[in-house]
Amino acid sequence: MKSILIIDDDSRNIFALKAVVRAKGYSCFTATSAEEGLSILNNHNNEIGIILMDMMMHDMDGYEAISVIRKDDGIAEIPIVAVTAQAMVGDREKCLEAGADAYLSKPVNVDALMEILTDYIKNDA
C-alpha cells in the first residue's frame, strides 16, 4: 500500500492527522512546509499514493504548491486533498479549480477522510 504525504505548517495538525491515518493502517511522510513536501515528493514519488495539503501555509501556500506539483510530470498524477480551515462558500471550488482532487475542511471529519483515502489509495501498490 502506498503512503500518505501530509503537508501542514502546524505540527499539531500533522500530529493529529498522522495519528488517525496510522491507526487505520496507513504509513505516512510528513512535511512542515510546501518546499519540504516537494522535496519528499521528488525523492519518494513512487511510494506516495496521496497528498493531504494544508492550503494556508507561510512562504508557499497550498495553491502554489499544487501548481508546482501539477506541472511536474513525475508527480503530477498523485491525488491531492486540500485540507483547510477555509470553509466559506466557494472555498471548496477554489481548491478544486487550483488542482486538488478532493477537499476537506478542518477540523477533519475522520469518516470523510477514510472514504477519500479508500477511493484514492490502491492496495495493490
PDB file of N, CA and C in Angstrom:
ATOM      1  N   MET A   1       0.851  -1.180   0.000  1.00  0.00           N
ATOM      2  CA  MET A   1       0.000   0.000   0.000  1.00  0.00           C
ATOM      3  C   MET A   1       0.892   1.237   0.000  1.00  0.00           C
ATOM      4  N   LYS A   2       0.517   2.223  -0.792  1.00  0.00           N
ATOM      5  CA  LYS A   2       1.301   3.453  -0.862  1.00  0.00           C
ATOM      6  C   LYS A   2       1.073   4.317   0.379  1.00  0.00           C
ATOM      7  N   SER A   3       2.021   5.210   0.615  1.00  0.00           N
ATOM      8  CA  SER A   3       1.988   6.082   1.786  1.00  0.00           C
ATOM      9  C   SER A   3       1.221   7.372   1.505  1.00  0.00           C
ATOM     10  N   ILE A   4       0.924   8.062   2.588  1.00  0.00           N
ATOM     11  CA  ILE A   4       0.272   9.365   2.546  1.00  0.00           C
ATOM     12  C   ILE A   4       1.328  10.410   2.867  1.00  0.00           C
ATOM     13  N   LEU A   5       1.328  11.509   2.121  1.00  0.00           N
ATOM     14  CA  LEU A   5       2.189  12.647   2.443  1.00  0.00           C
ATOM     15  C   LEU A   5       1.311  13.738   3.042  1.00  0.00           C
ATOM     16  N   ILE A   6       1.604  14.110   4.289  1.00  0.00           N
ATOM     17  CA  ILE A   6       0.881  15.189   4.970  1.00  0.00           C
ATOM     18  C   ILE A   6       1.769  16.428   4.943  1.00  0.00           C
ATOM     19  N   ILE A   7       1.246  17.502   4.344  1.00  0.00           N
ATOM     20  CA  ILE A   7       1.984  18.772   4.298  1.00  0.00           C
ATOM     21  C   ILE A   7       1.156  19.817   5.043  1.00  0.00           C
ATOM     22  N   ASP A   8       1.690  20.285   6.173  1.00  0.00           N
ATOM     23  CA  ASP A   8       0.984  21.265   7.006  1.00  0.00           C
ATOM     24  C   ASP A   8       2.018  21.989   7.850  1.00  0.00           C
ATOM     25  N   ASP A   9       1.915  23.303   7.944  1.00  0.00           N
ATOM     26  CA  ASP A   9       2.897  24.057   8.715  1.00  0.00           C
ATOM     27  C   ASP A   9       2.603  24.086  10.217  1.00  0.00           C
ATOM     28  N   ASP A  10       1.535  23.443  10.634  1.00  0.00           N
ATOM     29  CA  ASP A  10       1.196  23.361  12.061  1.00  0.00           C
ATOM     30  C   ASP A  10       1.439  21.927  12.537  1.00  0.00           C
ATOM     31  N   SER A  11       2.427  21.746  13.386  1.00  0.00           N
ATOM     32  CA  SER A  11       2.802  20.408  13.839  1.00  0.00           C
ATOM     33  C   SER A  11       1.667  19.704  14.588  1.00  0.00           C
ATOM     34  N   ARG A  12       0.759  20.467  15.187  1.00  0.00           N
ATOM     35  CA  ARG A  12      -0.385  19.843  15.875  1.00  0.00           C
ATOM     36  C   ARG A  12      -1.316  19.173  14.867  1.00  0.00           C
ATOM     37  N   ASN A  13      -1.511  19.824  13.714  1.00  0.00           N
ATOM     38  CA  ASN A  13      -2.344  19.219  12.671  1.00  0.00           C
ATOM     39  C   ASN A  13      -1.685  17.962  12.116  1.00  0.00           C
ATOM     40  N   ILE A  14      -0.372  18.032  11.907  1.00  0.00           N
ATOM     41  CA  ILE A  14       0.348  16.845  11.435  1.00  0.00           C
ATOM     42  C   ILE A  14       0.204  15.714  12.442  1.00  0.00           C
ATOM     43  N   PHE A  15       0.398  16.024  13.720  1.00  0.00           N
ATOM     44  CA  PHE A  15       0.298  15.008  14.771  1.00  0.00           C
ATOM     45  C   PHE A  15      -1.073  14.328  14.735  1.00  0.00           C
ATOM     46  N   ALA A  16      -2.127  15.126  14.653  1.00  0.00           N
ATOM     47  CA  ALA A  16      -3.490  14.580  14.675  1.00  0.00           C
ATOM     48  C   ALA A  16      -3.773  13.739  13.427  1.00  0.00           C
ATOM     49  N   LEU A  17      -3.449  14.253  12.248  1.00  0.00           N
ATOM     50  CA  LEU A  17      -3.690  13.508  11.012  1.00  0.00           C
ATOM     51  C   LEU A  17      -2.859  12.228  10.968  1.00  0.00           C
ATOM     52  N   LYS A  18      -1.611  12.336  11.368  1.00  0.00           N
ATOM     53  CA  LYS A  18      -0.711  11.181  11.373  1.00  0.00           C
ATOM     54  C   LYS A  18      -1.249  10.095  12.302  1.00  0.00           C
ATOM     55  N   ALA A  19      -1.732  10.482  13.476  1.00  0.00           N
ATOM     56  CA  ALA A  19      -2.283   9.511  14.425  1.00  0.00           C
ATOM     57  C   ALA A  19      -3.494   8.794  13.833  1.00  0.00           C
ATOM     58  N   VAL A  20      -4.360   9.545  13.156  1.00  0.00           N
ATOM     59  CA  VAL A  20      -5.563   8.961  12.566  1.00  0.00           C
ATOM     60  C   VAL A  20      -5.203   7.987  11.451  1.00  0.00           C
ATOM     61  N   VAL A  21      -4.351   8.407  10.522  1.00  0.00           N
ATOM     62  CA  VAL A  21      -4.060   7.535   9.378  1.00  0.00           C
ATOM     63  C   VAL A  21      -3.235   6.314   9.787  1.00  0.00           C
ATOM     64  N   ARG A  22      -2.341   6.483  10.728  1.00  0.00           N
ATOM     65  CA  ARG A  22      -1.567   5.323  11.211  1.00  0.00           C
ATOM     66  C   ARG A  22      -2.468   4.336  11.944  1.00  0.00           C
ATOM     67  N   ALA A  23      -3.427   4.854  12.704  1.00  0.00           N
ATOM     68  CA  ALA A  23      -4.361   3.970  13.410  1.00  0.00           C
ATOM     69  C   ALA A  23      -5.191   3.150  12.431  1.00  0.00           C
ATOM     70  N   LYS A  24      -5.368   3.676  11.225  1.00  0.00           N
ATOM     71  CA  LYS A  24      -6.130   2.972  10.187  1.00  0.00           C
ATOM     72  C   LYS A  24      -5.235   2.108   9.306  1.00  0.00           C
ATOM     73  N   GLY A  25      -3.945   2.016   9.658  1.00  0.00           N
ATOM     74  CA  GLY A  25      -3.037   1.127   8.947  1.00  0.00           C
ATOM     75  C   GLY A  25      -2.240   1.731   7.816  1.00  0.00           C
ATOM     76  N   TYR A  26      -2.302   3.040   7.653  1.00  0.00           N
ATOM     77  CA  TYR A  26      -1.549   3.706   6.593  1.00  0.00           C
ATOM     78  C   TYR A  26      -0.194   4.166   7.121  1.00  0.00           C
ATOM     79  N   SER A  27       0.796   4.181   6.256  1.00  0.00           N
ATOM     80  CA  SER A  27       2.081   4.777   6.605  1.00  0.00           C
ATOM     81  C   SER A  27       2.093   6.187   6.022  1.00  0.00           C
ATOM     82  N   CYS A  28       2.948   7.039   6.559  1.00  0.00           N
ATOM     83  CA  CYS A  28       2.944   8.402   6.047  1.00  0.00           C
ATOM     84  C   CYS A  28       4.295   9.081   6.165  1.00  0.00           C
ATOM     85  N   PHE A  29       4.462  10.064   5.309  1.00  0.00           N
ATOM     86  CA  PHE A  29       5.548  11.016   5.353  1.00  0.00           C
ATOM     87  C   PHE A  29       4.920  12.322   5.813  1.00  0.00           C
ATOM     88  N   THR A  30       5.720  13.193   6.456  1.00  0.00           N
ATOM     89  CA  THR A  30       5.193  14.484   6.870  1.00  0.00           C
ATOM     90  C   THR A  30       6.176  15.595   6.493  1.00  0.00           C
ATOM     91  N   ALA A  31       5.613  16.766   6.234  1.00  0.00           N
ATOM     92  CA  ALA A  31       6.412  17.947   5.923  1.00  0.00           C
ATOM     93  C   ALA A  31       5.751  19.160   6.551  1.00  0.00           C
ATOM     94  N   THR A  32       6.571  20.064   7.105  1.00  0.00           N
ATOM     95  CA  THR A  32       6.037  21.266   7.746  1.00  0.00           C
ATOM     96  C   THR A  32       6.100  22.490   6.846  1.00  0.00           C
ATOM     97  N   SER A  33       6.418  22.278   5.567  1.00  0.00           N
ATOM     98  CA  SER A  33       6.368  23.366   4.589  1.00  0.00           C
ATOM     99  C   SER A  33       6.141  22.753   3.213  1.00  0.00           C
ATOM    100  N   ALA A  34       5.662  23.577   2.302  1.00  0.00           N
ATOM    101  CA  ALA A  34       5.457  23.092   0.933  1.00  0.00           C
ATOM    102  C   ALA A  34       6.787  22.700   0.305  1.00  0.00           C
ATOM    103  N   GLU A  35       7.832  23.480   0.559  1.00  0.00           N
ATOM    104  CA  GLU A  35       9.148  23.168   0.000  1.00  0.00           C
ATOM    105  C   GLU A  35       9.629  21.805   0.471  1.00  0.00           C
ATOM    106  N   GLU A  36       9.477  21.519   1.757  1.00  0.00           N
ATOM    107  CA  GLU A  36       9.879  20.216   2.297  1.00  0.00           C
ATOM    108  C   GLU A  36       9.029  19.108   1.679  1.00  0.00           C
ATOM    109  N   GLY A  37       7.744  19.371   1.513  1.00  0.00           N
ATOM    110  CA  GLY A  37       6.860  18.390   0.890  1.00  0.00           C
ATOM    111  C   GLY A  37       7.258  18.084  -0.540  1.00  0.00           C
ATOM    112  N   LEU A  38       7.616  19.121  -1.303  1.00  0.00           N
ATOM    113  CA  LEU A  38       8.060  18.922  -2.684  1.00  0.00           C
ATOM    114  C   LEU A  38       9.338  18.097  -2.738  1.00  0.00           C
ATOM    115  N   SER A  39      10.229  18.327  -1.798  1.00  0.00           N
ATOM    116  CA  SER A  39      11.464  17.550  -1.726  1.00  0.00           C
ATOM    117  C   SER A  39      11.160  16.074  -1.454  1.00  0.00           C
ATOM    118  N   ILE A  40      10.257  15.815  -0.517  1.00  0.00           N
ATOM    119  CA  ILE A  40       9.857  14.436  -0.221  1.00  0.00           C
ATOM    120  C   ILE A  40       9.221  13.803  -1.452  1.00  0.00           C
ATOM    121  N   LEU A  41       8.361  14.540  -2.131  1.00  0.00           N
ATOM    122  CA  LEU A  41       7.716  14.028  -3.347  1.00  0.00           C
ATOM    123  C   LEU A  41       8.746  13.644  -4.403  1.00  0.00           C
ATOM    124  N   ASN A  42       9.736  14.481  -4.596  1.00  0.00           N
ATOM    125  CA  ASN A  42      10.742  14.203  -5.613  1.00  0.00           C
ATOM    126  C   ASN A  42      11.637  13.024  -5.255  1.00  0.00           C
ATOM    127  N   ASN A  43      11.805  12.766  -3.964  1.00  0.00           N
ATOM    128  CA  ASN A  43      12.652  11.654  -3.528  1.00  0.00           C
ATOM    129  C   ASN A  43      11.890  10.352  -3.306  1.00  0.00           C
ATOM    130  N   HIS A  44      10.570  10.428  -3.123  1.00  0.00           N
ATOM    131  CA  HIS A  44       9.771   9.240  -2.786  1.00  0.00           C
ATOM    132  C   HIS A  44       8.497   9.146  -3.627  1.00  0.00           C
ATOM    133  N   ASN A  45       8.491   9.720  -4.833  1.00  0.00           N
ATOM    134  CA  ASN A  45       7.249   9.800  -5.601  1.00  0.00           C
ATOM    135  C   ASN A  45       6.610   8.448  -5.873  1.00  0.00           C
ATOM    136  N   ASN A  46       7.388   7.391  -5.998  1.00  0.00           N
ATOM    137  CA  ASN A  46       6.811   6.067  -6.253  1.00  0.00           C
ATOM    138  C   ASN A  46       6.175   5.452  -5.021  1.00  0.00           C
ATOM    139  N   GLU A  47       6.463   6.008  -3.853  1.00  0.00           N
ATOM    140  CA  GLU A  47       5.937   5.468  -2.601  1.00  0.00           C
ATOM    141  C   GLU A  47       4.674   6.189  -2.132  1.00  0.00           C
ATOM    142  N   ILE A  48       4.398   7.356  -2.687  1.00  0.00           N
ATOM    143  CA  ILE A  48       3.306   8.198  -2.193  1.00  0.00           C
ATOM    144  C   ILE A  48       2.056   8.012  -3.046  1.00  0.00           C
ATOM    145  N   GLY A  49       0.948   7.695  -2.373  1.00  0.00           N
ATOM    146  CA  GLY A  49      -0.306   7.448  -3.060  1.00  0.00           C
ATOM    147  C   GLY A  49      -1.265   8.620  -3.025  1.00  0.00           C
ATOM    148  N   ILE A  50      -1.072   9.539  -2.086  1.00  0.00           N
ATOM    149  CA  ILE A  50      -1.963  10.697  -1.961  1.00  0.00           C
ATOM    150  C   ILE A  50      -1.285  11.748  -1.086  1.00  0.00           C
ATOM    151  N   ILE A  51      -1.656  13.007  -1.319  1.00  0.00           N
ATOM    152  CA  ILE A  51      -1.114  14.122  -0.546  1.00  0.00           C
ATOM    153  C   ILE A  51      -2.260  14.808   0.189  1.00  0.00           C
ATOM    154  N   LEU A  52      -2.083  15.029   1.487  1.00  0.00           N
ATOM    155  CA  LEU A  52      -3.014  15.849   2.270  1.00  0.00           C
ATOM    156  C   LEU A  52      -2.341  17.210   2.426  1.00  0.00           C
ATOM    157  N   MET A  53      -2.856  18.217   1.730  1.00  0.00           N
ATOM    158  CA  MET A  53      -2.200  19.515   1.605  1.00  0.00           C
ATOM    159  C   MET A  53      -2.950  20.606   2.361  1.00  0.00           C
ATOM    160  N   ASP A  54      -2.282  21.182   3.360  1.00  0.00           N
ATOM    161  CA  ASP A  54      -2.815  22.380   4.009  1.00  0.00           C
ATOM    162  C   ASP A  54      -2.757  23.509   2.981  1.00  0.00           C
ATOM    163  N   MET A  55      -3.809  24.279   2.886  1.00  0.00           N
ATOM    164  CA  MET A  55      -3.852  25.315   1.860  1.00  0.00           C
ATOM    165  C   MET A  55      -3.283  26.649   2.334  1.00  0.00           C
ATOM    166  N   MET A  56      -3.292  26.896   3.631  1.00  0.00           N
ATOM    167  CA  MET A  56      -2.837  28.187   4.158  1.00  0.00           C
ATOM    168  C   MET A  56      -1.541  28.006   4.949  1.00  0.00           C
ATOM    169  N   MET A  57      -0.422  28.044   4.239  1.00  0.00           N
ATOM    170  CA  MET A  57       0.889  27.928   4.882  1.00  0.00           C
ATOM    171  C   MET A  57       1.694  29.185   4.590  1.00  0.00           C
ATOM    172  N   HIS A  58       2.702  29.427   5.436  1.00  0.00           N
ATOM    173  CA  HIS A  58       3.610  30.551   5.224  1.00  0.00           C
ATOM    174  C   HIS A  58       4.525  30.224   4.050  1.00  0.00           C
ATOM    175  N   ASP A  59       5.204  31.186   3.537  1.00  0.00           N
ATOM    176  CA  ASP A  59       6.101  31.044   2.388  1.00  0.00           C
ATOM    177  C   ASP A  59       5.313  30.607   1.159  1.00  0.00           C
ATOM    178  N   MET A  60       5.265  29.312   0.871  1.00  0.00           N
ATOM    179  CA  MET A  60       4.499  28.813  -0.269  1.00  0.00           C
ATOM    180  C   MET A  60       3.215  28.183   0.253  1.00  0.00           C
ATOM    181  N   ASP A  61       2.061  28.699  -0.201  1.00  0.00           N
ATOM    182  CA  ASP A  61       0.795  28.130   0.279  1.00  0.00           C
ATOM    183  C   ASP A  61       0.407  26.913  -0.565  1.00  0.00           C
ATOM    184  N   GLY A  62      -0.673  26.271  -0.185  1.00  0.00           N
ATOM    185  CA  GLY A  62      -1.117  25.066  -0.868  1.00  0.00           C
ATOM    186  C   GLY A  62      -1.476  25.286  -2.324  1.00  0.00           C
ATOM    187  N   TYR A  63      -2.013  26.450  -2.626  1.00  0.00           N
ATOM    188  CA  TYR A  63      -2.373  26.747  -4.013  1.00  0.00           C
ATOM    189  C   TYR A  63      -1.133  26.769  -4.906  1.00  0.00           C
ATOM    190  N   GLU A  64      -0.082  27.434  -4.419  1.00  0.00           N
ATOM    191  CA  GLU A  64       1.175  27.479  -5.174  1.00  0.00           C
ATOM    192  C   GLU A  64       1.794  26.090  -5.276  1.00  0.00           C
ATOM    193  N   ALA A  65       1.770  25.347  -4.180  1.00  0.00           N
ATOM    194  CA  ALA A  65       2.363  24.005  -4.171  1.00  0.00           C
ATOM    195  C   ALA A  65       1.636  23.080  -5.142  1.00  0.00           C
ATOM    196  N   ILE A  66       0.315  23.157  -5.178  1.00  0.00           N
ATOM    197  CA  ILE A  66      -0.447  22.328  -6.118  1.00  0.00           C
ATOM    198  C   ILE A  66      -0.053  22.671  -7.554  1.00  0.00           C
ATOM    199  N   SER A  67       0.109  23.953  -7.829  1.00  0.00           N
ATOM    200  CA  SER A  67       0.503  24.383  -9.168  1.00  0.00           C
ATOM    201  C   SER A  67       1.857  23.785  -9.556  1.00  0.00           C
ATOM    202  N   VAL A  68       2.814  23.805  -8.641  1.00  0.00           N
ATOM    203  CA  VAL A  68       4.140  23.235  -8.901  1.00  0.00           C
ATOM    204  C   VAL A  68       4.027  21.727  -9.152  1.00  0.00           C
ATOM    205  N   ILE A  69       3.252  21.044  -8.325  1.00  0.00           N
ATOM    206  CA  ILE A  69       3.090  19.595  -8.460  1.00  0.00           C
ATOM    207  C   ILE A  69       2.453  19.247  -9.800  1.00  0.00           C
ATOM    208  N   ARG A  70       1.418  19.953 -10.167  1.00  0.00           N
ATOM    209  CA  ARG A  70       0.687  19.638 -11.400  1.00  0.00           C
ATOM    210  C   ARG A  70       1.516  19.908 -12.661  1.00  0.00           C
ATOM    211  N   LYS A  71       2.551  20.711 -12.560  1.00  0.00           N
ATOM    212  CA  LYS A  71       3.422  21.000 -13.704  1.00  0.00           C
ATOM    213  C   LYS A  71       4.594  20.030 -13.815  1.00  0.00           C
ATOM    214  N   ASP A  72       4.783  19.165 -12.832  1.00  0.00           N
ATOM    215  CA  ASP A  72       5.913  18.227 -12.803  1.00  0.00           C
ATOM    216  C   ASP A  72       5.430  16.845 -13.234  1.00  0.00           C
ATOM    217  N   ASP A  73       5.852  16.408 -14.413  1.00  0.00           N
ATOM    218  CA  ASP A  73       5.383  15.133 -14.964  1.00  0.00           C
ATOM    219  C   ASP A  73       5.608  13.944 -14.032  1.00  0.00           C
ATOM    220  N   GLY A  74       6.644  13.995 -13.212  1.00  0.00           N
ATOM    221  CA  GLY A  74       6.954  12.879 -12.329  1.00  0.00           C
ATOM    222  C   GLY A  74       5.993  12.716 -11.161  1.00  0.00           C
ATOM    223  N   ILE A  75       5.298  13.795 -10.808  1.00  0.00           N
ATOM    224  CA  ILE A  75       4.418  13.751  -9.634  1.00  0.00           C
ATOM    225  C   ILE A  75       3.023  14.299  -9.902  1.00  0.00           C
ATOM    226  N   ALA A  76       2.771  14.759 -11.114  1.00  0.00           N
ATOM    227  CA  ALA A  76       1.519  15.459 -11.442  1.00  0.00           C
ATOM    228  C   ALA A  76       0.267  14.623 -11.216  1.00  0.00           C
ATOM    229  N   GLU A  77       0.381  13.302 -11.324  1.00  0.00           N
ATOM    230  CA  GLU A  77      -0.801  12.445 -11.237  1.00  0.00           C
ATOM    231  C   GLU A  77      -1.151  12.022  -9.804  1.00  0.00           C
ATOM    232  N   ILE A  78      -0.316  12.371  -8.827  1.00  0.00           N
ATOM    233  CA  ILE A  78      -0.603  11.994  -7.438  1.00  0.00           C
ATOM    234  C   ILE A  78      -1.817  12.790  -6.955  1.00  0.00           C
ATOM    235  N   PRO A  79      -2.836  12.105  -6.444  1.00  0.00           N
ATOM    236  CA  PRO A  79      -4.023  12.822  -5.950  1.00  0.00           C
ATOM    237  C   PRO A  79      -3.680  13.747  -4.775  1.00  0.00           C
ATOM    238  N   ILE A  80      -4.336  14.898  -4.753  1.00  0.00           N
ATOM    239  CA  ILE A  80      -4.126  15.876  -3.683  1.00  0.00           C
ATOM    240  C   ILE A  80      -5.463  16.195  -3.034  1.00  0.00           C
ATOM    241  N   VAL A  81      -5.482  16.131  -1.698  1.00  0.00           N
ATOM    242  CA  VAL A  81      -6.654  16.520  -0.927  1.00  0.00           C
ATOM    243  C   VAL A  81      -6.336  17.853  -0.262  1.00  0.00           C
ATOM    244  N   ALA A  82      -7.102  18.871  -0.585  1.00  0.00           N
ATOM    245  CA  ALA A  82      -6.961  20.174   0.068  1.00  0.00           C
ATOM    246  C   ALA A  82      -7.566  20.052   1.467  1.00  0.00           C
ATOM    247  N   VAL A  83      -6.749  20.325   2.481  1.00  0.00           N
ATOM    248  CA  VAL A  83      -7.213  20.274   3.866  1.00  0.00           C
ATOM    249  C   VAL A  83      -7.065  21.684   4.417  1.00  0.00           C
ATOM    250  N   THR A  84      -8.195  22.312   4.733  1.00  0.00           N
ATOM    251  CA  THR A  84      -8.114  23.725   5.090  1.00  0.00           C
ATOM    252  C   THR A  84      -9.185  24.146   6.089  1.00  0.00           C
ATOM    253  N   ALA A  85      -8.861  25.176   6.845  1.00  0.00           N
ATOM    254  CA  ALA A  85      -9.828  25.778   7.755  1.00  0.00           C
ATOM    255  C   ALA A  85     -10.774  26.694   6.991  1.00  0.00           C
ATOM    256  N   GLN A  86     -10.458  26.966   5.731  1.00  0.00           N
ATOM    257  CA  GLN A  86     -11.324  27.812   4.911  1.00  0.00           C
ATOM    258  C   GLN A  86     -12.558  27.009   4.512  1.00  0.00           C
ATOM    259  N   ALA A  87     -13.679  27.351   5.080  1.00  0.00           N
ATOM    260  CA  ALA A  87     -14.909  26.604   4.816  1.00  0.00           C
ATOM    261  C   ALA A  87     -16.053  27.535   4.428  1.00  0.00           C
ATOM    262  N   MET A  88     -15.704  28.633   3.798  1.00  0.00           N
ATOM    263  CA  MET A  88     -16.716  29.582   3.341  1.00  0.00           C
ATOM    264  C   MET A  88     -17.247  29.143   1.985  1.00  0.00           C
ATOM    265  N   VAL A  89     -18.351  29.714   1.581  1.00  0.00           N
ATOM    266  CA  VAL A  89     -18.922  29.426   0.275  1.00  0.00           C
ATOM    267  C   VAL A  89     -17.876  29.742  -0.792  1.00  0.00           C
ATOM    268  N   GLY A  90     -17.629  28.787  -1.669  1.00  0.00           N
ATOM    269  CA  GLY A  90     -16.678  28.982  -2.756  1.00  0.00           C
ATOM    270  C   GLY A  90     -15.279  28.470  -2.475  1.00  0.00           C
ATOM    271  N   ASP A  91     -14.931  28.218  -1.208  1.00  0.00           N
ATOM    272  CA  ASP A  91     -13.573  27.754  -0.887  1.00  0.00           C
ATOM    273  C   ASP A  91     -13.299  26.360  -1.458  1.00  0.00           C
ATOM    274  N   ARG A  92     -14.287  25.474  -1.381  1.00  0.00           N
ATOM    275  CA  ARG A  92     -14.118  24.132  -1.934  1.00  0.00           C
ATOM    276  C   ARG A  92     -13.838  24.227  -3.431  1.00  0.00           C
ATOM    277  N   GLU A  93     -14.643  25.013  -4.124  1.00  0.00           N
ATOM    278  CA  GLU A  93     -14.492  25.165  -5.567  1.00  0.00           C
ATOM    279  C   GLU A  93     -13.135  25.773  -5.920  1.00  0.00           C
ATOM    280  N   LYS A  94     -12.687  26.737  -5.118  1.00  0.00           N
ATOM    281  CA  LYS A  94     -11.385  27.367  -5.360  1.00  0.00           C
ATOM    282  C   LYS A  94     -10.263  26.331  -5.260  1.00  0.00           C
ATOM    283  N   CYS A  95     -10.339  25.456  -4.272  1.00  0.00           N
ATOM    284  CA  CYS A  95      -9.319  24.415  -4.102  1.00  0.00           C
ATOM    285  C   CYS A  95      -9.346  23.429  -5.270  1.00  0.00           C
ATOM    286  N   LEU A  96     -10.531  23.027  -5.685  1.00  0.00           N
ATOM    287  CA  LEU A  96     -10.650  22.074  -6.788  1.00  0.00           C
ATOM    288  C   LEU A  96     -10.184  22.703  -8.102  1.00  0.00           C
ATOM    289  N   GLU A  97     -10.515  23.961  -8.305  1.00  0.00           N
ATOM    290  CA  GLU A  97     -10.063  24.667  -9.507  1.00  0.00           C
ATOM    291  C   GLU A  97      -8.545  24.810  -9.527  1.00  0.00           C
ATOM    292  N   ALA A  98      -7.924  24.886  -8.357  1.00  0.00           N
ATOM    293  CA  ALA A  98      -6.466  25.010  -8.264  1.00  0.00           C
ATOM    294  C   ALA A  98      -5.768  23.692  -8.589  1.00  0.00           C
ATOM    295  N   GLY A  99      -6.535  22.596  -8.642  1.00  0.00           N
ATOM    296  CA  GLY A  99      -5.933  21.311  -8.992  1.00  0.00           C
ATOM    297  C   GLY A  99      -6.057  20.227  -7.951  1.00  0.00           C
ATOM    298  N   ALA A 100      -6.711  20.530  -6.825  1.00  0.00           N
ATOM    299  CA  ALA A 100      -6.933  19.486  -5.819  1.00  0.00           C
ATOM    300  C   ALA A 100      -7.972  18.498  -6.340  1.00  0.00           C
ATOM    301  N   ASP A 101      -7.831  17.244  -5.931  1.00  0.00           N
ATOM    302  CA  ASP A 101      -8.775  16.201  -6.328  1.00  0.00           C
ATOM    303  C   ASP A 101      -9.960  16.105  -5.366  1.00  0.00           C
ATOM    304  N   ALA A 102      -9.730  16.530  -4.124  1.00  0.00           N
ATOM    305  CA  ALA A 102     -10.773  16.464  -3.100  1.00  0.00           C
ATOM    306  C   ALA A 102     -10.523  17.586  -2.092  1.00  0.00           C
ATOM    307  N   TYR A 103     -11.510  17.811  -1.235  1.00  0.00           N
ATOM    308  CA  TYR A 103     -11.470  18.928  -0.278  1.00  0.00           C
ATOM    309  C   TYR A 103     -12.000  18.443   1.062  1.00  0.00           C
ATOM    310  N   LEU A 104     -11.272  18.776   2.124  1.00  0.00           N
ATOM    311  CA  LEU A 104     -11.734  18.520   3.488  1.00  0.00           C
ATOM    312  C   LEU A 104     -11.533  19.783   4.303  1.00  0.00           C
ATOM    313  N   SER A 105     -12.561  20.172   5.046  1.00  0.00           N
ATOM    314  CA  SER A 105     -12.394  21.326   5.922  1.00  0.00           C
ATOM    315  C   SER A 105     -11.949  20.847   7.302  1.00  0.00           C
ATOM    316  N   LYS A 106     -11.238  21.745   8.005  1.00  0.00           N
ATOM    317  CA  LYS A 106     -10.804  21.460   9.376  1.00  0.00           C
ATOM    318  C   LYS A 106     -11.888  21.945  10.321  1.00  0.00           C
ATOM    319  N   PRO A 107     -12.121  21.275  11.429  1.00  0.00           N
ATOM    320  CA  PRO A 107     -11.482  20.016  11.801  1.00  0.00           C
ATOM    321  C   PRO A 107     -11.919  18.891  10.864  1.00  0.00           C
ATOM    322  N   VAL A 108     -10.982  18.012  10.566  1.00  0.00           N
ATOM    323  CA  VAL A 108     -11.211  16.961   9.582  1.00  0.00           C
ATOM    324  C   VAL A 108     -12.192  15.918  10.113  1.00  0.00           C
ATOM    325  N   ASN A 109     -13.176  15.612   9.289  1.00  0.00           N
ATOM    326  CA  ASN A 109     -14.116  14.535   9.574  1.00  0.00           C
ATOM    327  C   ASN A 109     -13.402  13.231   9.221  1.00  0.00           C
ATOM    328  N   VAL A 110     -13.123  12.394  10.210  1.00  0.00           N
ATOM    329  CA  VAL A 110     -12.337  11.179  10.002  1.00  0.00           C
ATOM    330  C   VAL A 110     -13.020  10.229   9.019  1.00  0.00           C
ATOM    331  N   ASP A 111     -14.333  10.102   9.101  1.00  0.00           N
ATOM    332  CA  ASP A 111     -15.046   9.224   8.168  1.00  0.00           C
ATOM    333  C   ASP A 111     -14.896   9.705   6.732  1.00  0.00           C
ATOM    334  N   ALA A 112     -14.988  11.008   6.519  1.00  0.00           N
ATOM    335  CA  ALA A 112     -14.824  11.572   5.174  1.00  0.00           C
ATOM    336  C   ALA A 112     -13.391  11.364   4.678  1.00  0.00           C
ATOM    337  N   LEU A 113     -12.416  11.528   5.571  1.00  0.00           N
ATOM    338  CA  LEU A 113     -11.019  11.301   5.213  1.00  0.00           C
ATOM    339  C   LEU A 113     -10.801   9.851   4.808  1.00  0.00           C
ATOM    340  N   MET A 114     -11.332   8.925   5.585  1.00  0.00           N
ATOM    341  CA  MET A 114     -11.154   7.499   5.277  1.00  0.00           C
ATOM    342  C   MET A 114     -11.805   7.132   3.947  1.00  0.00           C
ATOM    343  N   GLU A 115     -12.936   7.733   3.659  1.00  0.00           N
ATOM    344  CA  GLU A 115     -13.609   7.478   2.385  1.00  0.00           C
ATOM    345  C   GLU A 115     -12.733   7.946   1.212  1.00  0.00           C
ATOM    346  N   ILE A 116     -12.139   9.115   1.352  1.00  0.00           N
ATOM    347  CA  ILE A 116     -11.254   9.636   0.312  1.00  0.00           C
ATOM    348  C   ILE A 116     -10.028   8.744   0.162  1.00  0.00           C
ATOM    349  N   LEU A 117      -9.414   8.367   1.281  1.00  0.00           N
ATOM    350  CA  LEU A 117      -8.223   7.517   1.207  1.00  0.00           C
ATOM    351  C   LEU A 117      -8.543   6.179   0.546  1.00  0.00           C
ATOM    352  N   THR A 118      -9.677   5.604   0.878  1.00  0.00           N
ATOM    353  CA  THR A 118     -10.091   4.337   0.271  1.00  0.00           C
ATOM    354  C   THR A 118     -10.290   4.497  -1.234  1.00  0.00           C
ATOM    355  N   ASP A 119     -10.850   5.623  -1.646  1.00  0.00           N
ATOM    356  CA  ASP A 119     -11.083   5.875  -3.073  1.00  0.00           C
ATOM    357  C   ASP A 119      -9.781   6.028  -3.853  1.00  0.00           C
ATOM    358  N   TYR A 120      -8.771   6.648  -3.242  1.00  0.00           N
ATOM    359  CA  TYR A 120      -7.574   7.023  -3.996  1.00  0.00           C
ATOM    360  C   TYR A 120      -6.373   6.113  -3.812  1.00  0.00           C
ATOM    361  N   ILE A 121      -6.229   5.485  -2.665  1.00  0.00           N
ATOM    362  CA  ILE A 121      -5.035   4.652  -2.443  1.00  0.00           C
ATOM    363  C   ILE A 121      -5.390   3.213  -2.799  1.00  0.00           C
ATOM    364  N   LYS A 122      -4.625   2.689  -3.707  1.00  0.00           N
ATOM    365  CA  LYS A 122      -4.844   1.331  -4.174  1.00  0.00           C
ATOM    366  C   LYS A 122      -4.026   0.357  -3.333  1.00  0.00           C
ATOM    367  N   ASN A 123      -4.633  -0.730  -2.934  1.00  0.00           N
ATOM    368  CA  ASN A 123      -3.965  -1.720  -2.096  1.00  0.00           C
ATOM    369  C   ASN A 123      -2.958  -2.576  -2.866  1.00  0.00           C
ATOM    370  N   ASP A 124      -2.952  -2.480  -4.192  1.00  0.00           N
ATOM    371  CA  ASP A 124      -2.054  -3.315  -4.985  1.00  0.00           C
ATOM    372  C   ASP A 124      -0.701  -2.655  -5.234  1.00  0.00           C
ATOM    373  N   ALA A 125      -0.472  -1.489  -4.654  1.00  0.00           N
ATOM    374  CA  ALA A 125       0.793  -0.787  -4.920  1.00  0.00           C
ATOM    375  C   ALA A 125       1.926  -1.343  -4.092  1.00  0.00           C
TER     376      ALA A 125
END
